[in-house]
PDB file of N, CA and C in Angstrom:
ATOM      1  N   UNK A   1      63.026  17.648  95.116  1.00  0.00           N
ATOM      2  CA  UNK A   1      64.340  18.572  94.178  1.00  0.00           C
ATOM      3  C   UNK A   1      64.719  17.578  93.434  1.00  0.00           C
ATOM      4  N   UNK A   2      65.321  17.909  92.417  1.00  0.00           N
ATOM      5  CA  UNK A   2      65.574  17.163  91.361  1.00  0.00           C
ATOM      6  C   UNK A   2      67.368  17.331  91.459  1.00  0.00           C
ATOM      7  N   UNK A   3      68.260  15.854  91.616  1.00  0.00           N
ATOM      8  CA  UNK A   3      69.428  16.052  91.857  1.00  0.00           C
ATOM      9  C   UNK A   3      70.151  16.545  90.918  1.00  0.00           C
ATOM     10  N   UNK A   4      69.935  16.435  89.439  1.00  0.00           N
ATOM     11  CA  UNK A   4      70.334  16.396  88.229  1.00  0.00           C
ATOM     12  C   UNK A   4      70.346  17.524  87.822  1.00  0.00           C
ATOM     13  N   UNK A   5      69.927  18.665  88.670  1.00  0.00           N
ATOM     14  CA  UNK A   5      69.266  20.064  87.571  1.00  0.00           C
ATOM     15  C   UNK A   5      70.281  20.863  87.412  1.00  0.00           C
ATOM     16  N   UNK A   6      71.382  20.767  88.702  1.00  0.00           N
ATOM     17  CA  UNK A   6      72.430  21.798  88.921  1.00  0.00           C
ATOM     18  C   UNK A   6      73.471  20.982  88.046  1.00  0.00           C
ATOM     19  N   UNK A   7      73.624  19.770  87.734  1.00  0.00           N
ATOM     20  CA  UNK A   7      74.759  19.065  87.409  1.00  0.00           C
ATOM     21  C   UNK A   7      75.172  19.215  85.646  1.00  0.00           C
ATOM     22  N   UNK A   8      76.416  19.288  85.347  1.00  0.00           N
ATOM     23  CA  UNK A   8      76.710  19.609  84.004  1.00  0.00           C
ATOM     24  C   UNK A   8      75.764  18.210  83.450  1.00  0.00           C
ATOM     25  N   UNK A   9      75.753  18.416  82.128  1.00  0.00           N
ATOM     26  CA  UNK A   9      74.981  17.498  81.134  1.00  0.00           C
ATOM     27  C   UNK A   9      75.885  16.160  80.667  1.00  0.00           C
ATOM     28  N   UNK A  10      76.957  15.966  81.009  1.00  0.00           N
ATOM     29  CA  UNK A  10      78.088  14.952  80.871  1.00  0.00           C
ATOM     30  C   UNK A  10      78.040  14.048  81.807  1.00  0.00           C
ATOM     31  N   UNK A  11      77.641  14.599  83.576  1.00  0.00           N
ATOM     32  CA  UNK A  11      77.934  14.157  84.794  1.00  0.00           C
ATOM     33  C   UNK A  11      76.299  13.498  84.560  1.00  0.00           C
ATOM     34  N   UNK A  12      75.367  14.077  84.274  1.00  0.00           N
ATOM     35  CA  UNK A  12      74.197  13.393  84.422  1.00  0.00           C
ATOM     36  C   UNK A  12      73.869  12.054  83.117  1.00  0.00           C
ATOM     37  N   UNK A  13      75.076  12.546  82.075  1.00  0.00           N
ATOM     38  CA  UNK A  13      74.779  11.342  81.535  1.00  0.00           C
ATOM     39  C   UNK A  13      75.707   9.965  81.913  1.00  0.00           C
ATOM     40  N   UNK A  14      76.679  10.561  82.856  1.00  0.00           N
ATOM     41  CA  UNK A  14      77.567   9.108  83.072  1.00  0.00           C
ATOM     42  C   UNK A  14      76.656   8.289  84.447  1.00  0.00           C
ATOM     43  N   UNK A  15      76.020   9.716  85.338  1.00  0.00           N
ATOM     44  CA  UNK A  15      74.953   8.758  86.260  1.00  0.00           C
ATOM     45  C   UNK A  15      74.397   8.195  85.777  1.00  0.00           C
ATOM     46  N   UNK A  16      73.504   8.308  84.386  1.00  0.00           N
ATOM     47  CA  UNK A  16      72.445   7.627  83.845  1.00  0.00           C
ATOM     48  C   UNK A  16      72.975   6.219  83.681  1.00  0.00           C
ATOM     49  N   UNK A  17      74.575   6.115  82.824  1.00  0.00           N
ATOM     50  CA  UNK A  17      74.930   5.032  82.128  1.00  0.00           C
ATOM     51  C   UNK A  17      75.358   4.247  83.443  1.00  0.00           C
ATOM     52  N   UNK A  18      75.757   4.506  84.253  1.00  0.00           N
ATOM     53  CA  UNK A  18      76.474   3.708  86.029  1.00  0.00           C
ATOM     54  C   UNK A  18      74.999   3.209  86.194  1.00  0.00           C
ATOM     55  N   UNK A  19      74.122   3.697  86.432  1.00  0.00           N
ATOM     56  CA  UNK A  19      72.448   3.169  87.025  1.00  0.00           C
ATOM     57  C   UNK A  19      71.994   1.881  85.868  1.00  0.00           C
ATOM     58  N   UNK A  20      72.273   2.340  84.953  1.00  0.00           N
ATOM     59  CA  UNK A  20      72.036   1.572  83.600  1.00  0.00           C
ATOM     60  C   UNK A  20      72.795   0.251  83.845  1.00  0.00           C
ATOM     61  N   UNK A  21      74.402   0.053  84.456  1.00  0.00           N
ATOM     62  CA  UNK A  21      75.000  -1.005  84.552  1.00  0.00           C
ATOM     63  C   UNK A  21      74.814  -1.383  85.712  1.00  0.00           C
ATOM     64  N   UNK A  22      74.393  -1.465  86.841  1.00  0.00           N
ATOM     65  CA  UNK A  22      73.787  -1.626  87.983  1.00  0.00           C
ATOM     66  C   UNK A  22      73.491  -3.005  88.169  1.00  0.00           C
ATOM     67  N   UNK A  23      73.755  -4.154  88.756  1.00  0.00           N
ATOM     68  CA  UNK A  23      73.221  -5.374  89.308  1.00  0.00           C
ATOM     69  C   UNK A  23      71.857  -5.426  89.241  1.00  0.00           C
ATOM     70  N   UNK A  24      70.767  -6.025  88.818  1.00  0.00           N
ATOM     71  CA  UNK A  24      69.248  -5.967  89.440  1.00  0.00           C
ATOM     72  C   UNK A  24      69.494  -6.784  90.780  1.00  0.00           C
ATOM     73  N   UNK A  25      68.672  -6.327  91.685  1.00  0.00           N
ATOM     74  CA  UNK A  25      68.530  -6.952  92.860  1.00  0.00           C
ATOM     75  C   UNK A  25      68.260  -8.647  92.996  1.00  0.00           C
ATOM     76  N   UNK A  26      68.494  -9.161  93.270  1.00  0.00           N
ATOM     77  CA  UNK A  26      67.599 -10.486  93.835  1.00  0.00           C
ATOM     78  C   UNK A  26      66.720 -10.543  94.382  1.00  0.00           C
ATOM     79  N   UNK A  27      65.870 -11.662  94.071  1.00  0.00           N
ATOM     80  CA  UNK A  27      64.491 -11.536  94.827  1.00  0.00           C
ATOM     81  C   UNK A  27      64.702 -12.277  95.996  1.00  0.00           C
ATOM     82  N   UNK A  28      65.819 -13.428  95.693  1.00  0.00           N
ATOM     83  CA  UNK A  28      66.106 -14.457  97.103  1.00  0.00           C
ATOM     84  C   UNK A  28      65.446 -15.230  97.139  1.00  0.00           C
ATOM     85  N   UNK A  29      65.536 -16.409  98.089  1.00  0.00           N
ATOM     86  CA  UNK A  29      65.420 -17.664  97.261  1.00  0.00           C
ATOM     87  C   UNK A  29      63.770 -17.480  97.052  1.00  0.00           C
ATOM     88  N   UNK A  30      63.306 -18.609  96.106  1.00  0.00           N
ATOM     89  CA  UNK A  30      62.036 -18.389  95.601  1.00  0.00           C
ATOM     90  C   UNK A  30      61.051 -18.938  96.608  1.00  0.00           C
ATOM     91  N   UNK A  31      59.515 -18.935  96.862  1.00  0.00           N
ATOM     92  CA  UNK A  31      58.576 -19.584  97.697  1.00  0.00           C
ATOM     93  C   UNK A  31      58.694 -21.037  97.295  1.00  0.00           C
ATOM     94  N   UNK A  32      58.748 -22.147  98.595  1.00  0.00           N
ATOM     95  CA  UNK A  32      58.366 -23.584  97.791  1.00  0.00           C
ATOM     96  C   UNK A  32      56.596 -23.307  97.456  1.00  0.00           C
ATOM     97  N   UNK A  33      56.543 -24.505  96.457  1.00  0.00           N
ATOM     98  CA  UNK A  33      55.629 -25.225  96.619  1.00  0.00           C
ATOM     99  C   UNK A  33      55.065 -25.707  97.495  1.00  0.00           C
ATOM    100  N   UNK A  34      53.493 -25.868  97.489  1.00  0.00           N
ATOM    101  CA  UNK A  34      53.105 -26.722  98.739  1.00  0.00           C
ATOM    102  C   UNK A  34      53.526 -27.899  98.451  1.00  0.00           C
ATOM    103  N   UNK A  35      54.042 -28.675  99.151  1.00  0.00           N
ATOM    104  CA  UNK A  35      54.469 -30.499  99.454  1.00  0.00           C
ATOM    105  C   UNK A  35      56.141 -30.847  98.319  1.00  0.00           C
ATOM    106  N   UNK A  36      56.566 -29.198  98.334  1.00  0.00           N
ATOM    107  CA  UNK A  36      57.664 -29.664  97.529  1.00  0.00           C
ATOM    108  C   UNK A  36      59.010 -31.002  97.769  1.00  0.00           C
ATOM    109  N   UNK A  37      58.735 -29.605  98.881  1.00  0.00           N
ATOM    110  CA  UNK A  37      60.346 -30.177  99.895  1.00  0.00           C
ATOM    111  C   UNK A  37      59.627 -31.543 100.852  1.00  0.00           C
ATOM    112  N   UNK A  38      58.347 -31.738 101.092  1.00  0.00           N
ATOM    113  CA  UNK A  38      58.343 -32.697 102.007  1.00  0.00           C
ATOM    114  C   UNK A  38      57.912 -33.900 101.043  1.00  0.00           C
ATOM    115  N   UNK A  39      57.780 -34.041  99.949  1.00  0.00           N
ATOM    116  CA  UNK A  39      57.991 -35.279  98.698  1.00  0.00           C
ATOM    117  C   UNK A  39      59.566 -35.657  98.620  1.00  0.00           C
ATOM    118  N   UNK A  40      60.516 -34.810  98.750  1.00  0.00           N
ATOM    119  CA  UNK A  40      61.621 -35.276  98.713  1.00  0.00           C
ATOM    120  C   UNK A  40      61.793 -35.395  99.972  1.00  0.00           C
ATOM    121  N   UNK A  41      61.652 -34.916 100.985  1.00  0.00           N
ATOM    122  CA  UNK A  41      62.142 -35.639 102.027  1.00  0.00           C
ATOM    123  C   UNK A  41      61.840 -37.038 102.181  1.00  0.00           C
ATOM    124  N   UNK A  42      60.510 -36.886 101.727  1.00  0.00           N
ATOM    125  CA  UNK A  42      59.933 -38.339 102.561  1.00  0.00           C
ATOM    126  C   UNK A  42      60.265 -39.660 101.202  1.00  0.00           C
ATOM    127  N   UNK A  43      60.626 -39.187  99.961  1.00  0.00           N
ATOM    128  CA  UNK A  43      61.665 -39.765  99.366  1.00  0.00           C
ATOM    129  C   UNK A  43      62.668 -40.302 100.081  1.00  0.00           C
ATOM    130  N   UNK A  44      63.793 -39.404 100.618  1.00  0.00           N
ATOM    131  CA  UNK A  44      64.970 -39.628 101.484  1.00  0.00           C
ATOM    132  C   UNK A  44      64.581 -40.360 102.179  1.00  0.00           C
ATOM    133  N   UNK A  45      63.510 -40.425 103.127  1.00  0.00           N
ATOM    134  CA  UNK A  45      63.485 -41.366 104.343  1.00  0.00           C
ATOM    135  C   UNK A  45      62.863 -42.820 103.895  1.00  0.00           C
ATOM    136  N   UNK A  46      62.317 -42.420 102.559  1.00  0.00           N
ATOM    137  CA  UNK A  46      62.108 -44.403 102.284  1.00  0.00           C
ATOM    138  C   UNK A  46      63.081 -45.034 101.705  1.00  0.00           C
ATOM    139  N   UNK A  47      63.950 -44.458 101.012  1.00  0.00           N
ATOM    140  CA  UNK A  47      64.960 -44.949 100.554  1.00  0.00           C
ATOM    141  C   UNK A  47      66.386 -44.865 101.317  1.00  0.00           C
ATOM    142  N   UNK A  48      66.374 -44.329 102.609  1.00  0.00           N
ATOM    143  CA  UNK A  48      67.330 -43.887 103.318  1.00  0.00           C
ATOM    144  C   UNK A  48      68.371 -45.003 103.176  1.00  0.00           C
ATOM    145  N   UNK A  49      68.044 -46.285 103.692  1.00  0.00           N
ATOM    146  CA  UNK A  49      68.952 -47.512 104.051  1.00  0.00           C
ATOM    147  C   UNK A  49      69.857 -47.726 102.774  1.00  0.00           C
ATOM    148  N   UNK A  50      69.158 -47.779 101.561  1.00  0.00           N
ATOM    149  CA  UNK A  50      69.976 -47.662 100.279  1.00  0.00           C
ATOM    150  C   UNK A  50      70.558 -46.429  99.818  1.00  0.00           C
ATOM    151  N   UNK A  51      70.536 -45.081 100.446  1.00  0.00           N
ATOM    152  CA  UNK A  51      71.174 -44.181 100.059  1.00  0.00           C
ATOM    153  C   UNK A  51      72.195 -44.032 101.309  1.00  0.00           C
ATOM    154  N   UNK A  52      72.132 -44.596 102.404  1.00  0.00           N
ATOM    155  CA  UNK A  52      72.753 -44.516 103.173  1.00  0.00           C
ATOM    156  C   UNK A  52      74.269 -45.436 102.718  1.00  0.00           C
ATOM    157  N   UNK A  53      74.117 -46.296 102.311  1.00  0.00           N
ATOM    158  CA  UNK A  53      75.235 -47.940 101.850  1.00  0.00           C
ATOM    159  C   UNK A  53      75.619 -47.035 100.701  1.00  0.00           C
ATOM    160  N   UNK A  54      74.636 -46.203  99.353  1.00  0.00           N
ATOM    161  CA  UNK A  54      75.795 -45.803  98.530  1.00  0.00           C
ATOM    162  C   UNK A  54      76.463 -44.839  98.714  1.00  0.00           C
ATOM    163  N   UNK A  55      75.594 -43.562  99.347  1.00  0.00           N
ATOM    164  CA  UNK A  55      76.253 -42.171  99.798  1.00  0.00           C
ATOM    165  C   UNK A  55      76.954 -41.814 100.931  1.00  0.00           C
ATOM    166  N   UNK A  56      77.493 -43.405 101.545  1.00  0.00           N
ATOM    167  CA  UNK A  56      78.169 -42.926 103.228  1.00  0.00           C
ATOM    168  C   UNK A  56      79.406 -41.995 102.664  1.00  0.00           C
ATOM    169  N   UNK A  57      79.067 -40.867 104.392  1.00  0.00           N
ATOM    170  CA  UNK A  57      80.452 -40.064 103.575  1.00  0.00           C
ATOM    171  C   UNK A  57      80.188 -38.872 102.561  1.00  0.00           C
ATOM    172  N   UNK A  58      78.703 -38.692 102.313  1.00  0.00           N
ATOM    173  CA  UNK A  58      78.906 -37.733 101.400  1.00  0.00           C
ATOM    174  C   UNK A  58      77.895 -36.770 101.354  1.00  0.00           C
ATOM    175  N   UNK A  59      77.278 -35.627 100.393  1.00  0.00           N
ATOM    176  CA  UNK A  59      76.440 -34.696 100.622  1.00  0.00           C
ATOM    177  C   UNK A  59      75.794 -35.225  99.260  1.00  0.00           C
ATOM    178  N   UNK A  60      74.539 -35.396  99.679  1.00  0.00           N
ATOM    179  CA  UNK A  60      73.332 -35.428  98.642  1.00  0.00           C
ATOM    180  C   UNK A  60      72.616 -34.681  98.423  1.00  0.00           C
ATOM    181  N   UNK A  61      72.090 -33.967  97.147  1.00  0.00           N
ATOM    182  CA  UNK A  61      71.226 -32.937  96.105  1.00  0.00           C
ATOM    183  C   UNK A  61      70.393 -33.795  95.708  1.00  0.00           C
ATOM    184  N   UNK A  62      68.569 -33.430  96.397  1.00  0.00           N
ATOM    185  CA  UNK A  62      67.778 -34.491  96.071  1.00  0.00           C
ATOM    186  C   UNK A  62      66.567 -33.482  94.937  1.00  0.00           C
ATOM    187  N   UNK A  63      66.646 -33.825  93.814  1.00  0.00           N
ATOM    188  CA  UNK A  63      65.097 -32.864  93.216  1.00  0.00           C
ATOM    189  C   UNK A  63      64.816 -33.837  93.192  1.00  0.00           C
ATOM    190  N   UNK A  64      63.280 -33.505  92.368  1.00  0.00           N
ATOM    191  CA  UNK A  64      61.972 -34.427  92.290  1.00  0.00           C
ATOM    192  C   UNK A  64      62.505 -35.626  91.950  1.00  0.00           C
ATOM    193  N   UNK A  65      62.786 -35.951  93.219  1.00  0.00           N
ATOM    194  CA  UNK A  65      62.744 -37.228  94.037  1.00  0.00           C
ATOM    195  C   UNK A  65      63.578 -38.717  93.286  1.00  0.00           C
ATOM    196  N   UNK A  66      64.876 -38.000  93.180  1.00  0.00           N
ATOM    197  CA  UNK A  66      65.966 -38.319  92.689  1.00  0.00           C
ATOM    198  C   UNK A  66      67.214 -37.682  92.819  1.00  0.00           C
ATOM    199  N   UNK A  67      68.515 -38.570  92.887  1.00  0.00           N
ATOM    200  CA  UNK A  67      69.561 -38.041  93.723  1.00  0.00           C
ATOM    201  C   UNK A  67      70.123 -37.107  92.238  1.00  0.00           C
ATOM    202  N   UNK A  68      70.148 -35.700  92.436  1.00  0.00           N
ATOM    203  CA  UNK A  68      70.987 -35.356  91.152  1.00  0.00           C
ATOM    204  C   UNK A  68      72.303 -34.377  91.237  1.00  0.00           C
ATOM    205  N   UNK A  69      72.579 -34.434  92.249  1.00  0.00           N
ATOM    206  CA  UNK A  69      74.282 -34.458  92.573  1.00  0.00           C
ATOM    207  C   UNK A  69      74.789 -35.000  94.173  1.00  0.00           C
ATOM    208  N   UNK A  70      75.704 -35.661  93.697  1.00  0.00           N
ATOM    209  CA  UNK A  70      76.599 -36.059  95.484  1.00  0.00           C
ATOM    210  C   UNK A  70      78.082 -35.563  95.067  1.00  0.00           C
ATOM    211  N   UNK A  71      78.338 -35.391  96.576  1.00  0.00           N
ATOM    212  CA  UNK A  71      80.142 -35.290  96.511  1.00  0.00           C
ATOM    213  C   UNK A  71      80.752 -35.188  97.790  1.00  0.00           C
ATOM    214  N   UNK A  72      81.775 -35.440  98.049  1.00  0.00           N
ATOM    215  CA  UNK A  72      82.731 -35.359 100.017  1.00  0.00           C
ATOM    216  C   UNK A  72      81.930 -33.751 100.361  1.00  0.00           C
ATOM    217  N   UNK A  73      82.135 -32.893  99.139  1.00  0.00           N
ATOM    218  CA  UNK A  73      82.046 -31.768  99.619  1.00  0.00           C
ATOM    219  C   UNK A  73      80.881 -31.234  98.990  1.00  0.00           C
ATOM    220  N   UNK A  74      79.505 -29.895 100.093  1.00  0.00           N
ATOM    221  CA  UNK A  74      78.540 -29.582  99.664  1.00  0.00           C
ATOM    222  C   UNK A  74      79.102 -29.173  98.474  1.00  0.00           C
ATOM    223  N   UNK A  75      79.589 -28.133  97.900  1.00  0.00           N
ATOM    224  CA  UNK A  75      79.582 -27.726  96.528  1.00  0.00           C
ATOM    225  C   UNK A  75      79.597 -28.531  95.414  1.00  0.00           C
ATOM    226  N   UNK A  76      79.988 -29.419  95.817  1.00  0.00           N
ATOM    227  CA  UNK A  76      80.333 -30.615  94.363  1.00  0.00           C
ATOM    228  C   UNK A  76      79.259 -30.915  94.467  1.00  0.00           C
ATOM    229  N   UNK A  77      78.194 -31.760  95.087  1.00  0.00           N
ATOM    230  CA  UNK A  77      76.594 -31.655  95.030  1.00  0.00           C
ATOM    231  C   UNK A  77      75.861 -31.194  94.578  1.00  0.00           C
ATOM    232  N   UNK A  78      75.904 -29.748  94.461  1.00  0.00           N
ATOM    233  CA  UNK A  78      75.346 -28.448  94.853  1.00  0.00           C
ATOM    234  C   UNK A  78      75.510 -28.445  93.193  1.00  0.00           C
ATOM    235  N   UNK A  79      76.849 -28.405  92.552  1.00  0.00           N
ATOM    236  CA  UNK A  79      77.595 -28.113  91.067  1.00  0.00           C
ATOM    237  C   UNK A  79      77.203 -29.351  90.533  1.00  0.00           C
ATOM    238  N   UNK A  80      76.748 -30.560  90.850  1.00  0.00           N
ATOM    239  CA  UNK A  80      76.006 -31.554  89.845  1.00  0.00           C
ATOM    240  C   UNK A  80      74.690 -31.410  89.999  1.00  0.00           C
ATOM    241  N   UNK A  81      73.963 -30.674  90.845  1.00  0.00           N
ATOM    242  CA  UNK A  81      72.820 -30.476  90.869  1.00  0.00           C
ATOM    243  C   UNK A  81      72.080 -29.994  89.942  1.00  0.00           C
ATOM    244  N   UNK A  82      72.844 -28.391  89.607  1.00  0.00           N
ATOM    245  CA  UNK A  82      72.852 -27.422  88.997  1.00  0.00           C
ATOM    246  C   UNK A  82      72.828 -27.593  87.921  1.00  0.00           C
ATOM    247  N   UNK A  83      74.344 -28.448  86.696  1.00  0.00           N
ATOM    248  CA  UNK A  83      74.229 -29.134  85.832  1.00  0.00           C
ATOM    249  C   UNK A  83      73.195 -29.926  85.434  1.00  0.00           C
ATOM    250  N   UNK A  84      72.298 -30.316  86.442  1.00  0.00           N
ATOM    251  CA  UNK A  84      71.445 -31.693  85.872  1.00  0.00           C
ATOM    252  C   UNK A  84      69.983 -30.767  85.935  1.00  0.00           C
ATOM    253  N   UNK A  85      70.307 -29.288  86.244  1.00  0.00           N
ATOM    254  CA  UNK A  85      69.006 -28.720  86.180  1.00  0.00           C
ATOM    255  C   UNK A  85      68.143 -28.608  87.360  1.00  0.00           C
ATOM    256  N   UNK A  86      68.538 -29.433  88.175  1.00  0.00           N
ATOM    257  CA  UNK A  86      67.770 -28.397  89.329  1.00  0.00           C
ATOM    258  C   UNK A  86      68.070 -27.349  89.867  1.00  0.00           C
ATOM    259  N   UNK A  87      66.835 -26.777  90.441  1.00  0.00           N
ATOM    260  CA  UNK A  87      67.011 -25.339  90.609  1.00  0.00           C
ATOM    261  C   UNK A  87      66.518 -25.223  92.359  1.00  0.00           C
ATOM    262  N   UNK A  88      66.248 -25.979  93.069  1.00  0.00           N
ATOM    263  CA  UNK A  88      66.682 -25.854  94.291  1.00  0.00           C
ATOM    264  C   UNK A  88      66.477 -27.290  95.397  1.00  0.00           C
ATOM    265  N   UNK A  89      67.374 -27.900  94.708  1.00  0.00           N
ATOM    266  CA  UNK A  89      67.376 -29.314  95.424  1.00  0.00           C
ATOM    267  C   UNK A  89      67.519 -29.400  97.076  1.00  0.00           C
ATOM    268  N   UNK A  90      67.192 -30.336  97.488  1.00  0.00           N
ATOM    269  CA  UNK A  90      67.241 -30.506  99.047  1.00  0.00           C
ATOM    270  C   UNK A  90      68.258 -31.133  99.535  1.00  0.00           C
ATOM    271  N   UNK A  91      69.173 -31.007  99.968  1.00  0.00           N
ATOM    272  CA  UNK A  91      70.410 -31.262 100.446  1.00  0.00           C
ATOM    273  C   UNK A  91      70.131 -31.735 101.706  1.00  0.00           C
ATOM    274  N   UNK A  92      71.094 -32.960 101.788  1.00  0.00           N
ATOM    275  CA  UNK A  92      71.112 -34.018 103.331  1.00  0.00           C
ATOM    276  C   UNK A  92      72.691 -34.135 103.044  1.00  0.00           C
ATOM    277  N   UNK A  93      73.049 -34.713 103.866  1.00  0.00           N
ATOM    278  CA  UNK A  93      74.364 -35.765 104.054  1.00  0.00           C
ATOM    279  C   UNK A  93      73.831 -37.068 104.904  1.00  0.00           C
ATOM    280  N   UNK A  94      75.287 -38.330 104.397  1.00  0.00           N
ATOM    281  CA  UNK A  94      75.226 -38.987 105.204  1.00  0.00           C
ATOM    282  C   UNK A  94      76.589 -39.477 106.284  1.00  0.00           C
ATOM    283  N   UNK A  95      76.346 -39.934 107.319  1.00  0.00           N
ATOM    284  CA  UNK A  95      77.852 -40.392 107.886  1.00  0.00           C
ATOM    285  C   UNK A  95      78.570 -41.291 107.431  1.00  0.00           C
ATOM    286  N   UNK A  96      80.122 -41.049 107.418  1.00  0.00           N
ATOM    287  CA  UNK A  96      80.470 -42.410 107.019  1.00  0.00           C
ATOM    288  C   UNK A  96      80.184 -43.413 107.533  1.00  0.00           C
ATOM    289  N   UNK A  97      80.616 -44.779 107.274  1.00  0.00           N
ATOM    290  CA  UNK A  97      80.379 -46.178 107.831  1.00  0.00           C
ATOM    291  C   UNK A  97      80.964 -46.468 108.984  1.00  0.00           C
ATOM    292  N   UNK A  98      82.208 -45.816 109.338  1.00  0.00           N
ATOM    293  CA  UNK A  98      82.463 -45.944 110.302  1.00  0.00           C
ATOM    294  C   UNK A  98      82.048 -45.161 111.816  1.00  0.00           C
ATOM    295  N   UNK A  99      81.270 -44.197 111.733  1.00  0.00           N
ATOM    296  CA  UNK A  99      80.705 -43.291 112.555  1.00  0.00           C
ATOM    297  C   UNK A  99      79.280 -43.354 112.607  1.00  0.00           C
ATOM    298  N   UNK A 100      78.474 -44.413 112.022  1.00  0.00           N
ATOM    299  CA  UNK A 100      77.463 -44.789 111.926  1.00  0.00           C
ATOM    300  C   UNK A 100      76.681 -45.115 113.267  1.00  0.00           C
ATOM    301  N   UNK A 101      77.437 -46.286 113.663  1.00  0.00           N
ATOM    302  CA  UNK A 101      76.949 -46.983 115.131  1.00  0.00           C
ATOM    303  C   UNK A 101      77.446 -45.867 116.466  1.00  0.00           C
ATOM    304  N   UNK A 102      77.530 -44.673 116.242  1.00  0.00           N
ATOM    305  CA  UNK A 102      78.351 -43.449 117.372  1.00  0.00           C
ATOM    306  C   UNK A 102      76.949 -43.465 117.849  1.00  0.00           C
ATOM    307  N   UNK A 103      76.526 -42.855 118.856  1.00  0.00           N
ATOM    308  CA  UNK A 103      75.702 -41.983 119.192  1.00  0.00           C
ATOM    309  C   UNK A 103      75.676 -40.552 118.878  1.00  0.00           C
ATOM    310  N   UNK A 104      74.633 -39.840 118.602  1.00  0.00           N
ATOM    311  CA  UNK A 104      74.428 -38.652 118.443  1.00  0.00           C
ATOM    312  C   UNK A 104      74.427 -37.331 119.650  1.00  0.00           C
ATOM    313  N   UNK A 105      75.119 -37.062 119.505  1.00  0.00           N
ATOM    314  CA  UNK A 105      75.137 -36.086 120.472  1.00  0.00           C
ATOM    315  C   UNK A 105      74.852 -34.410 120.073  1.00  0.00           C
ATOM    316  N   UNK A 106      73.297 -34.146 120.440  1.00  0.00           N
ATOM    317  CA  UNK A 106      72.633 -32.722 120.579  1.00  0.00           C
ATOM    318  C   UNK A 106      74.104 -31.326 120.300  1.00  0.00           C
ATOM    319  N   UNK A 107      73.842 -30.761 119.871  1.00  0.00           N
ATOM    320  CA  UNK A 107      74.196 -29.393 119.857  1.00  0.00           C
ATOM    321  C   UNK A 107      73.807 -28.100 119.455  1.00  0.00           C
ATOM    322  N   UNK A 108      74.112 -27.510 120.270  1.00  0.00           N
ATOM    323  CA  UNK A 108      72.885 -26.193 120.046  1.00  0.00           C
ATOM    324  C   UNK A 108      73.587 -24.531 119.773  1.00  0.00           C
ATOM    325  N   UNK A 109      73.716 -23.971 119.008  1.00  0.00           N
ATOM    326  CA  UNK A 109      74.332 -22.782 118.397  1.00  0.00           C
ATOM    327  C   UNK A 109      73.954 -21.905 119.101  1.00  0.00           C
TER     328      UNK A 109
END
């Protein structure tokens, strides 16, 4: 049964305009291309010593095997990466220098 059948014309028009203004639904995160994440991860692992020294205590966003953004806050690194044109960067953080020699304690949520 058609819902708009018994409604006045102005209400049907208002509903049509409202439906047109609705935001389109996002598709969610895009699927990763084969090997895309692993290439950035491998690059970070290969250059880990240099990156730890340069970005101690910071977040970095890596895209296409280069640092696209960095900052003390995650949001800063992501904003810089977005400005650099990175779509879905690989993000990681490095411990500050004073905490590097402390043992890591595993934590489960």
